[in-house]
Amino acid sequence: MDEPRIKVYGSATEITVAGNAAGLLDLAERLVGLAAPELQGGYHEHLESGINLENGSISLILARDDKL
């Protein structure tokens, strides 16, 4: 499988999260991890341009909020 690649971009009214198959699977695994019963609301992950995301991406925070 290819290296995971994810890009996040958008405007004030719309955000796009795009990725290759490996990137989308990586994102899905992160979301499943956030839903794990042993975690509590307030747990979050930061994805940053050039680190977890493709260069030029806007930062993305995945957050668990049990108040929702």
N, C-alpha and C. Protein backbone atom coordinates (compact mmCIF):
# COMPACT_ATOMS: atom_id res chain seq x y z
N MET A 1 0.85 -1.18 0.00
CA MET A 1 0.00 0.00 0.00
C MET A 1 0.90 1.24 0.00
N ASP A 2 0.42 2.28 -0.62
CA ASP A 2 1.15 3.54 -0.69
C ASP A 2 1.29 4.19 0.68
N GLU A 3 2.18 5.18 0.76
CA GLU A 3 2.34 5.98 1.97
C GLU A 3 1.07 6.81 2.16
N PRO A 4 0.56 6.91 3.41
CA PRO A 4 -0.64 7.72 3.66
C PRO A 4 -0.41 9.18 3.29
N ARG A 5 -1.34 9.74 2.55
CA ARG A 5 -1.27 11.16 2.18
C ARG A 5 -2.65 11.77 2.38
N ILE A 6 -2.68 12.85 3.15
CA ILE A 6 -3.93 13.55 3.45
C ILE A 6 -3.69 15.04 3.24
N LYS A 7 -4.66 15.71 2.63
CA LYS A 7 -4.58 17.16 2.46
C LYS A 7 -5.91 17.75 2.94
N VAL A 8 -5.81 18.85 3.69
CA VAL A 8 -6.99 19.55 4.19
C VAL A 8 -6.93 20.98 3.67
N TYR A 9 -8.01 21.40 3.03
CA TYR A 9 -8.07 22.76 2.50
C TYR A 9 -9.51 23.21 2.48
N GLY A 10 -9.70 24.51 2.31
CA GLY A 10 -11.06 24.99 2.26
C GLY A 10 -11.17 26.49 2.34
N SER A 11 -12.39 26.90 2.63
CA SER A 11 -12.73 28.32 2.73
C SER A 11 -13.47 28.53 4.04
N ALA A 12 -14.02 29.70 4.20
CA ALA A 12 -14.77 30.00 5.42
C ALA A 12 -16.05 29.18 5.53
N THR A 13 -16.53 28.65 4.42
CA THR A 13 -17.81 27.94 4.45
C THR A 13 -17.73 26.46 4.08
N GLU A 14 -16.52 25.98 3.71
CA GLU A 14 -16.43 24.59 3.28
C GLU A 14 -15.01 24.07 3.50
N ILE A 15 -14.91 22.89 4.05
CA ILE A 15 -13.61 22.24 4.28
C ILE A 15 -13.59 20.94 3.50
N THR A 16 -12.47 20.65 2.86
CA THR A 16 -12.28 19.39 2.15
C THR A 16 -11.13 18.63 2.80
N VAL A 17 -11.37 17.36 3.09
CA VAL A 17 -10.33 16.45 3.55
C VAL A 17 -10.19 15.42 2.44
N ALA A 18 -9.03 15.43 1.78
CA ALA A 18 -8.79 14.53 0.65
C ALA A 18 -7.60 13.65 0.98
N GLY A 19 -7.63 12.43 0.50
CA GLY A 19 -6.51 11.55 0.74
C GLY A 19 -6.48 10.39 -0.21
N ASN A 20 -5.30 9.77 -0.32
CA ASN A 20 -5.24 8.53 -1.07
C ASN A 20 -5.84 7.44 -0.18
N ALA A 21 -5.94 6.22 -0.69
CA ALA A 21 -6.58 5.14 0.06
C ALA A 21 -5.89 4.94 1.41
N ALA A 22 -4.57 4.93 1.43
CA ALA A 22 -3.83 4.74 2.68
C ALA A 22 -4.08 5.89 3.66
N GLY A 23 -4.17 7.09 3.14
CA GLY A 23 -4.44 8.25 3.98
C GLY A 23 -5.82 8.22 4.59
N LEU A 24 -6.80 7.81 3.79
CA LEU A 24 -8.16 7.73 4.32
C LEU A 24 -8.28 6.63 5.37
N LEU A 25 -7.58 5.51 5.16
CA LEU A 25 -7.57 4.46 6.18
C LEU A 25 -6.90 4.94 7.46
N ASP A 26 -5.81 5.70 7.34
CA ASP A 26 -5.14 6.26 8.50
C ASP A 26 -6.07 7.19 9.27
N LEU A 27 -6.78 8.04 8.55
CA LEU A 27 -7.73 8.95 9.18
C LEU A 27 -8.84 8.18 9.88
N ALA A 28 -9.36 7.15 9.22
CA ALA A 28 -10.42 6.32 9.81
C ALA A 28 -9.92 5.66 11.10
N GLU A 29 -8.70 5.15 11.11
CA GLU A 29 -8.14 4.52 12.31
C GLU A 29 -8.00 5.53 13.44
N ARG A 30 -7.63 6.76 13.11
CA ARG A 30 -7.54 7.80 14.14
C ARG A 30 -8.92 8.08 14.74
N LEU A 31 -9.94 8.14 13.90
CA LEU A 31 -11.29 8.41 14.38
C LEU A 31 -11.82 7.25 15.22
N VAL A 32 -11.56 6.02 14.80
CA VAL A 32 -11.96 4.86 15.59
C VAL A 32 -11.26 4.90 16.94
N GLY A 33 -9.98 5.28 16.95
CA GLY A 33 -9.25 5.40 18.21
C GLY A 33 -9.87 6.42 19.14
N LEU A 34 -10.34 7.53 18.59
CA LEU A 34 -10.98 8.56 19.42
C LEU A 34 -12.30 8.07 20.01
N ALA A 35 -12.93 7.10 19.37
CA ALA A 35 -14.20 6.56 19.85
C ALA A 35 -14.02 5.44 20.86
N ALA A 36 -12.79 5.05 21.15
CA ALA A 36 -12.52 3.94 22.08
C ALA A 36 -13.16 4.21 23.44
N PRO A 37 -13.79 3.20 24.02
CA PRO A 37 -14.50 3.39 25.30
C PRO A 37 -13.61 3.87 26.45
N GLU A 38 -12.33 3.51 26.43
CA GLU A 38 -11.46 3.91 27.54
C GLU A 38 -11.08 5.38 27.51
N LEU A 39 -11.32 6.06 26.39
CA LEU A 39 -11.03 7.50 26.31
C LEU A 39 -12.23 8.29 26.79
N GLN A 40 -11.98 9.52 27.17
CA GLN A 40 -13.04 10.40 27.64
C GLN A 40 -13.08 11.66 26.78
N GLY A 41 -14.17 12.40 26.88
CA GLY A 41 -14.28 13.67 26.19
C GLY A 41 -13.10 14.56 26.51
N GLY A 42 -12.68 15.34 25.56
CA GLY A 42 -11.53 16.21 25.75
C GLY A 42 -10.27 15.66 25.09
N TYR A 43 -10.28 14.36 24.76
CA TYR A 43 -9.13 13.79 24.07
C TYR A 43 -9.15 14.29 22.64
N HIS A 44 -7.98 14.64 22.12
CA HIS A 44 -7.92 15.16 20.76
C HIS A 44 -6.56 14.88 20.13
N GLU A 45 -6.49 15.01 18.83
CA GLU A 45 -5.25 14.87 18.07
C GLU A 45 -5.12 16.07 17.14
N HIS A 46 -3.90 16.57 17.02
CA HIS A 46 -3.60 17.65 16.08
C HIS A 46 -2.91 17.05 14.86
N LEU A 47 -3.38 17.39 13.69
CA LEU A 47 -2.72 17.02 12.44
C LEU A 47 -2.23 18.31 11.81
N GLU A 48 -0.96 18.33 11.45
CA GLU A 48 -0.32 19.57 10.99
C GLU A 48 0.29 19.41 9.60
N SER A 49 0.30 20.52 8.86
CA SER A 49 0.91 20.56 7.54
C SER A 49 2.38 20.17 7.62
N GLY A 50 2.80 19.29 6.74
CA GLY A 50 4.19 18.87 6.68
C GLY A 50 4.56 17.80 7.70
N ILE A 51 3.67 17.48 8.62
CA ILE A 51 3.93 16.43 9.61
C ILE A 51 3.00 15.25 9.33
N ASN A 52 1.70 15.41 9.66
CA ASN A 52 0.71 14.35 9.39
C ASN A 52 -0.06 14.62 8.10
N LEU A 53 0.04 15.87 7.64
CA LEU A 53 -0.72 16.29 6.45
C LEU A 53 0.24 16.77 5.38
N GLU A 54 -0.24 16.77 4.16
CA GLU A 54 0.55 17.26 3.04
C GLU A 54 0.89 18.73 3.24
N ASN A 55 2.03 19.15 2.73
CA ASN A 55 2.41 20.56 2.77
C ASN A 55 1.30 21.40 2.12
N GLY A 56 1.03 22.54 2.70
CA GLY A 56 0.00 23.43 2.20
C GLY A 56 -1.37 23.18 2.80
N SER A 57 -1.49 22.13 3.61
CA SER A 57 -2.76 21.85 4.27
C SER A 57 -2.99 22.84 5.40
N ILE A 58 -4.25 23.07 5.74
CA ILE A 58 -4.57 23.78 6.97
C ILE A 58 -4.58 22.75 8.09
N SER A 59 -4.29 23.18 9.30
CA SER A 59 -4.26 22.27 10.45
C SER A 59 -5.64 21.68 10.68
N LEU A 60 -5.64 20.48 11.24
CA LEU A 60 -6.89 19.78 11.54
C LEU A 60 -6.79 19.23 12.95
N ILE A 61 -7.83 19.45 13.73
CA ILE A 61 -7.90 18.87 15.07
C ILE A 61 -9.07 17.90 15.07
N LEU A 62 -8.78 16.66 15.46
CA LEU A 62 -9.81 15.65 15.65
C LEU A 62 -10.08 15.59 17.14
N ALA A 63 -11.31 15.82 17.57
CA ALA A 63 -11.59 15.92 19.00
C ALA A 63 -12.78 15.06 19.39
N ARG A 64 -12.67 14.45 20.54
CA ARG A 64 -13.79 13.74 21.13
C ARG A 64 -14.46 14.68 22.11
N ASP A 65 -15.76 14.85 21.95
CA ASP A 65 -16.55 15.72 22.83
C ASP A 65 -17.77 14.95 23.27
N ASP A 66 -17.73 14.39 24.45
CA ASP A 66 -18.85 13.58 24.94
C ASP A 66 -20.06 14.41 25.35
N LYS A 67 -19.95 15.74 25.27
CA LYS A 67 -21.09 16.61 25.57
C LYS A 67 -22.01 16.77 24.36
N LEU A 68 -21.53 16.38 23.19
CA LEU A 68 -22.35 16.51 21.98
C LEU A 68 -23.39 15.41 21.91
